[in-house]
Amino acid sequence: MSPGDEDGYGNDAGRADAYSTIGGTRQTRTRLPDGPAGDAYGPRRPPRSSRSLITVIGVVVLLLGAIAFANMGGGDNGNGGTSKDNGNNKAGAAPTAATGTKPVTGKNGTIPSGFAHDEQGAESAASNFAVALGSVGMFKRVDRHAIVDSVYTSDAGRKLKGPQDAAYSADFLDKLGLDADGNAPQGSIFVSRTVPVGTKVESFGGDTAKVSVWYMGLIGMSGPGSTDPVRTSWKTWTVELTWADNDWKAVSDSQKDGPAPVPGDVAASSSDEISKAVEEYGGFTYAR
């Protein structure tokens, strides 16, 4: 879950990619439709490989790293092990059926909170943090600070804000087609989403946890004349968590490319279709 940036968080995540929700430098190839002149995305061009683009990408990772984008407790459960059977799982349920303890009901702003003090809670926290750190809110100063305060410990968050603000400069935002306040041009929609695919508990120590989140990122501008259409990237974000103030908080994080599946045979949609989908389909929270 701005991703992840993705981040100026002062961690390994500090090397982000403007074209990946949480960070990284590898760009996923996107099959674009061969539309007539005047196509919403405009003439096709090869991905930019300028130093400025790499900087932009690194920034996204910083945000989630800190991308430069998590809870604790009992026995093996969650995506990293065997889910704990608390009586909510019906016999004969398919492997893909929802499992685990009751999800959180609290929220810290728009981010779920009150995760269980066990491995499953840590996985839920990590997924939700990845979603928040990979969101469009990370590109707006006030929203970014609120996200950082909710996701990280007070010490970690305090150290991240300055580098992140510097990374999300007016020049950086301009390269993404945004104004100095992180707003998209009129008639266009800036897309930045992190979609967790799975989680794994790397280690768990009661009040500390290390969780990896495998996710797909969406980022780009959808609108008339856009030369940077929405594209996908695949990353794995790993976050160190600690139990603080009766909830899980991120202390540090890092990110790497992949695993990435082979691109499918579905042709890319038009800018109008992407814009409509972004407006009609809201994002998810990932408390299991």
Protein backbone atom coordinates (compact mmCIF):
# COMPACT_ATOMS: atom_id res chain seq x y z
CA MET A 1 0.00 0.00 0.00
CA SER A 2 2.76 5.57 -2.47
CA PRO A 3 3.00 3.42 -2.51
CA GLY A 4 5.16 4.04 -2.22
CA ASP A 5 8.25 6.69 -2.97
CA GLU A 6 7.87 3.93 -3.44
CA ASP A 7 10.93 7.86 -0.83
CA GLY A 8 12.75 10.72 0.89
CA TYR A 9 12.39 8.77 4.03
CA GLY A 10 16.03 8.56 4.73
CA ASN A 11 16.11 4.80 4.25
CA ASP A 12 16.98 2.48 1.42
CA ALA A 13 13.62 3.53 0.11
CA GLY A 14 15.19 6.90 -0.55
CA ARG A 15 15.89 5.74 -4.06
CA ALA A 16 12.46 5.87 -5.65
CA ASP A 17 10.99 5.88 -9.11
CA ALA A 18 8.50 8.40 -10.31
CA TYR A 19 7.14 5.67 -12.49
CA SER A 20 6.61 3.15 -9.76
CA THR A 21 4.22 3.77 -6.94
CA ILE A 22 6.67 3.02 -4.22
CA GLY A 23 9.94 3.23 -6.00
CA GLY A 24 12.56 1.61 -8.13
CA THR A 25 13.97 2.33 -11.54
CA ARG A 26 12.71 -0.49 -13.76
CA GLN A 27 9.80 0.48 -15.99
CA THR A 28 7.20 -2.09 -17.02
CA ARG A 29 6.51 -2.20 -20.76
CA THR A 30 2.99 -1.13 -21.62
CA ARG A 31 1.23 -2.06 -24.83
CA LEU A 32 -0.45 1.10 -26.08
CA PRO A 33 -3.29 1.20 -28.59
CA ASP A 34 -2.48 2.43 -32.08
CA GLY A 35 -5.07 5.15 -32.11
CA PRO A 36 -5.59 7.91 -34.68
CA ALA A 37 -3.92 11.28 -34.45
CA GLY A 38 -5.37 13.12 -31.53
CA ASP A 39 -5.37 10.01 -29.35
CA ALA A 40 -5.74 11.08 -25.73
CA TYR A 41 -2.23 9.95 -24.91
CA GLY A 42 -0.72 11.72 -27.94
CA PRO A 43 2.17 10.36 -29.99
CA ARG A 44 3.95 7.38 -28.46
CA ARG A 45 7.50 7.78 -27.36
CA PRO A 46 10.04 5.51 -25.73
CA PRO A 47 10.38 5.69 -21.93
CA ARG A 48 12.61 8.53 -20.80
CA SER A 49 15.87 7.49 -19.26
CA SER A 50 17.13 10.92 -18.22
CA ARG A 51 18.87 11.47 -14.94
CA SER A 52 15.91 13.62 -13.81
CA LEU A 53 13.53 10.70 -14.32
CA ILE A 54 15.74 8.42 -12.25
CA THR A 55 15.69 11.06 -9.52
CA VAL A 56 11.92 11.19 -9.66
CA ILE A 57 11.77 7.44 -9.37
CA GLY A 58 14.07 7.45 -6.41
CA VAL A 59 11.89 9.96 -4.64
CA VAL A 60 8.88 7.69 -4.81
CA VAL A 61 10.86 4.93 -3.15
CA LEU A 62 11.98 7.28 -0.39
CA LEU A 63 8.44 7.91 0.60
CA LEU A 64 7.60 4.32 0.96
CA GLY A 65 10.92 3.30 2.38
CA ALA A 66 11.15 5.20 5.61
CA ILE A 67 9.87 4.17 0.06
CA ALA A 68 12.58 6.80 0.11
CA PHE A 69 5.81 2.94 -0.44
CA ALA A 70 3.28 -2.27 8.96
CA ASN A 71 1.89 -5.42 13.72
CA MET A 72 2.67 -8.36 16.04
CA GLY A 73 1.55 -11.29 18.23
CA GLY A 74 0.72 -14.96 18.27
CA GLY A 75 1.51 -17.98 16.20
CA ASP A 76 2.01 -18.58 12.53
CA ASN A 77 -0.71 -16.96 10.50
CA GLY A 78 -1.33 -14.50 7.70
CA ASN A 79 0.19 -14.76 4.28
CA GLY A 80 3.55 -15.77 5.70
CA GLY A 81 2.32 -18.93 7.36
CA THR A 82 -0.71 -20.94 8.35
CA SER A 83 -3.69 -18.78 9.24
CA LYS A 84 -5.00 -19.14 12.75
CA ASP A 85 -8.40 -20.80 12.82
CA ASN A 86 -10.59 -18.80 15.19
CA GLY A 87 -13.83 -20.43 14.18
CA ASN A 88 -14.55 -17.96 11.40
CA ASN A 89 -13.24 -20.25 8.65
CA LYS A 90 -15.75 -22.67 7.23
CA ALA A 91 -14.71 -26.23 6.52
CA GLY A 92 -14.00 -26.87 2.88
CA ALA A 93 -13.36 -23.21 2.08
CA ALA A 94 -11.32 -22.58 -1.07
CA PRO A 95 -7.66 -21.64 -0.59
CA THR A 96 -8.48 -18.13 -1.82
CA ALA A 97 -11.27 -17.56 0.69
CA ALA A 98 -10.79 -14.83 3.27
CA THR A 99 -9.18 -16.14 6.45
CA GLY A 100 -7.87 -14.86 9.75
CA THR A 101 -9.08 -12.80 12.67
CA LYS A 102 -11.58 -9.97 12.49
CA PRO A 103 -10.07 -6.95 10.66
CA VAL A 104 -9.49 -3.61 12.34
CA THR A 105 -12.36 -1.17 12.67
CA GLY A 106 -10.43 1.94 13.66
CA LYS A 107 -8.90 4.58 11.41
CA ASN A 108 -6.17 7.17 11.77
CA GLY A 109 -7.41 9.68 9.21
CA THR A 110 -7.98 7.53 6.14
CA ILE A 111 -5.50 4.82 7.18
CA PRO A 112 -6.74 1.79 9.15
CA SER A 113 -5.34 1.48 12.67
CA GLY A 114 -5.65 -0.73 15.71
CA PHE A 115 -3.96 -3.75 14.16
CA ALA A 116 -3.67 -6.98 16.11
CA HIS A 117 -0.51 -7.45 18.18
CA ASP A 118 0.50 -10.55 16.23
CA GLU A 119 1.95 -11.64 12.91
CA GLN A 120 -1.30 -11.25 11.04
CA GLY A 121 -1.70 -7.74 12.41
CA ALA A 122 1.80 -6.88 11.22
CA GLU A 123 0.96 -8.13 7.72
CA SER A 124 -2.25 -6.11 7.65
CA ALA A 125 -0.41 -3.01 8.82
CA ALA A 126 2.34 -3.41 6.22
CA SER A 127 -0.20 -3.80 3.40
CA ASN A 128 -2.17 -0.75 4.46
CA PHE A 129 0.99 1.30 4.87
CA ALA A 130 2.08 0.35 1.35
CA VAL A 131 -1.29 1.53 0.01
CA ALA A 132 -1.03 4.86 1.84
CA LEU A 133 2.58 5.51 0.86
CA GLY A 134 1.81 4.77 -2.78
CA SER A 135 -1.19 7.09 -2.99
CA VAL A 136 -1.57 10.47 -4.70
CA GLY A 137 -1.60 12.07 -1.25
CA MET A 138 2.17 11.64 -1.10
CA PHE A 139 2.52 14.28 -3.82
CA LYS A 140 0.85 16.98 -1.69
CA ARG A 141 2.78 18.35 1.29
CA VAL A 142 -0.02 18.51 3.88
CA ASP A 143 -1.39 15.08 2.96
CA ARG A 144 2.11 13.61 2.83
CA HIS A 145 2.93 14.80 6.35
CA ALA A 146 -0.35 13.35 7.64
CA ILE A 147 0.42 9.97 6.03
CA VAL A 148 3.95 9.92 7.45
CA ASP A 149 2.65 10.76 10.94
CA SER A 150 0.18 7.88 10.72
CA VAL A 151 2.54 5.26 9.28
CA TYR A 152 5.90 5.88 11.00
CA THR A 153 7.05 6.23 14.56
CA SER A 154 7.38 9.85 15.70
CA ASP A 155 11.19 9.72 15.47
CA ALA A 156 11.24 8.12 12.02
CA GLY A 157 8.56 10.46 10.70
CA ARG A 158 10.36 13.54 11.98
CA LYS A 159 13.51 12.55 10.11
CA LEU A 160 11.65 11.79 6.90
CA LYS A 161 9.61 14.95 6.36
CA GLY A 162 12.49 17.27 5.50
CA PRO A 163 14.11 15.01 2.89
CA GLN A 164 10.72 14.17 1.44
CA ASP A 165 9.71 17.81 1.09
CA ALA A 166 12.98 18.50 -0.70
CA ALA A 167 12.48 15.50 -2.96
CA TYR A 168 8.93 16.50 -3.88
CA SER A 169 10.12 19.82 -5.24
CA ALA A 170 8.19 21.93 -7.74
CA ASP A 171 10.65 20.79 -10.42
CA PHE A 172 10.06 17.13 -9.57
CA LEU A 173 6.27 17.54 -9.61
CA ASP A 174 6.48 19.40 -12.90
CA LYS A 175 8.22 16.41 -14.49
CA LEU A 176 5.15 14.36 -13.55
CA GLY A 177 2.82 16.95 -15.07
CA LEU A 178 1.69 18.30 -11.67
CA ASP A 179 1.74 21.88 -10.42
CA ALA A 180 3.74 23.00 -7.37
CA ASP A 181 0.91 21.90 -5.06
CA GLY A 182 0.70 18.42 -6.57
CA ASN A 183 -2.44 19.04 -8.61
CA ALA A 184 -3.02 17.64 -12.10
CA PRO A 185 -3.94 19.92 -15.02
CA GLN A 186 -7.62 20.61 -15.51
CA GLY A 187 -9.23 17.75 -17.39
CA SER A 188 -6.48 15.28 -16.44
CA ILE A 189 -6.19 12.73 -13.63
CA PHE A 190 -2.92 11.82 -11.95
CA VAL A 191 -2.89 8.16 -10.96
CA SER A 192 -0.73 6.67 -8.21
CA ARG A 193 -1.88 3.47 -6.54
CA THR A 194 -0.26 0.54 -4.80
CA VAL A 195 -2.09 -2.79 -5.08
CA PRO A 196 -0.74 -5.42 -2.64
CA VAL A 197 -0.66 -8.92 -4.09
CA GLY A 198 0.69 -10.77 -1.06
CA THR A 199 2.67 -10.43 2.17
CA LYS A 200 5.32 -12.47 3.95
CA VAL A 201 6.55 -12.27 7.54
CA GLU A 202 10.33 -12.25 7.31
CA SER A 203 10.77 -12.23 11.09
CA PHE A 204 8.67 -11.66 14.20
CA GLY A 205 9.77 -10.89 17.72
CA GLY A 206 6.69 -9.94 19.72
CA ASP A 207 7.13 -6.16 19.62
CA THR A 208 9.05 -6.06 16.34
CA ALA A 209 8.38 -7.49 12.92
CA LYS A 210 9.80 -7.46 9.42
CA VAL A 211 7.23 -7.86 6.64
CA SER A 212 7.59 -7.90 2.86
CA VAL A 213 4.75 -6.75 0.62
CA TRP A 214 4.68 -7.82 -3.02
CA TYR A 215 2.68 -5.26 -4.95
CA MET A 216 1.75 -3.87 -8.33
CA GLY A 217 2.03 -0.12 -8.76
CA LEU A 218 0.08 2.16 -11.08
CA ILE A 219 1.41 5.63 -11.90
CA GLY A 220 1.03 8.17 -14.67
CA MET A 221 -1.15 10.94 -16.04
CA SER A 222 -4.45 10.20 -17.73
CA GLY A 223 -5.85 13.01 -19.83
CA PRO A 224 -5.75 14.90 -23.12
CA GLY A 225 -2.26 15.24 -24.54
CA SER A 226 -0.57 13.19 -21.80
CA THR A 227 2.82 11.87 -22.86
CA ASP A 228 3.21 9.79 -19.69
CA PRO A 229 0.27 7.35 -19.73
CA VAL A 230 -0.59 5.28 -16.69
CA ARG A 231 1.68 2.24 -16.51
CA THR A 232 2.36 -0.64 -14.15
CA SER A 233 5.38 -1.77 -12.17
CA TRP A 234 6.02 -4.72 -9.87
CA LYS A 235 7.94 -4.31 -6.61
CA THR A 236 8.57 -5.89 -3.23
CA TRP A 237 8.60 -3.50 -0.29
CA THR A 238 10.07 -4.66 3.02
CA VAL A 239 9.31 -2.74 6.19
CA GLU A 240 10.65 -2.97 9.75
CA LEU A 241 7.82 -2.52 12.27
CA THR A 242 7.68 -1.85 15.97
CA TRP A 243 4.81 -1.96 18.45
CA ALA A 244 4.33 1.62 19.69
CA ASP A 245 1.35 3.44 21.22
CA ASN A 246 -0.65 0.22 21.11
CA ASP A 247 -0.31 -0.19 17.35
CA TRP A 248 2.18 -1.12 14.64
CA LYS A 249 4.41 1.63 13.27
CA ALA A 250 7.07 1.64 10.55
CA VAL A 251 10.67 2.33 11.53
CA SER A 252 12.52 1.77 8.26
CA ASP A 253 12.03 0.10 4.90
CA SER A 254 13.59 -0.87 1.59
CA GLN A 255 12.43 -1.91 -1.85
CA LYS A 256 13.43 -3.99 -4.85
CA ASP A 257 12.08 -4.76 -8.31
CA GLY A 258 9.81 -7.76 -8.97
CA PRO A 259 8.79 -10.47 -9.07
CA ALA A 260 7.15 -9.35 -12.33
CA PRO A 261 4.86 -11.59 -14.38
CA VAL A 262 4.96 -11.79 -18.18
CA PRO A 263 2.85 -8.97 -19.67
CA GLY A 264 -0.58 -10.15 -20.79
CA ASP A 265 -2.18 -9.93 -24.22
CA VAL A 266 -4.75 -7.28 -23.30
CA ALA A 267 -4.14 -4.07 -25.23
CA ALA A 268 -3.78 -0.88 -23.19
CA SER A 269 -6.98 1.12 -22.76
CA SER A 270 -7.47 4.66 -23.96
CA SER A 271 -6.90 7.65 -21.72
CA ASP A 272 -10.66 8.19 -21.38
CA GLU A 273 -11.20 4.59 -20.25
CA ILE A 274 -8.43 4.86 -17.65
CA SER A 275 -9.76 8.18 -16.34
CA LYS A 276 -13.26 6.75 -16.03
CA ALA A 277 -11.99 3.64 -14.23
CA VAL A 278 -9.96 5.68 -11.74
CA GLU A 279 -12.99 7.81 -10.93
CA GLU A 280 -15.42 4.89 -10.67
CA TYR A 281 -13.29 2.30 -8.88
CA GLY A 282 -12.18 3.28 -5.41
CA GLY A 283 -9.15 1.79 -3.71
CA PHE A 284 -9.15 -0.82 -0.95
CA THR A 285 -7.85 -1.09 2.55
CA TYR A 286 -6.06 -4.33 3.34
CA ALA A 287 -6.84 -5.25 6.93
CA ARG A 288 -7.61 -8.97 6.59
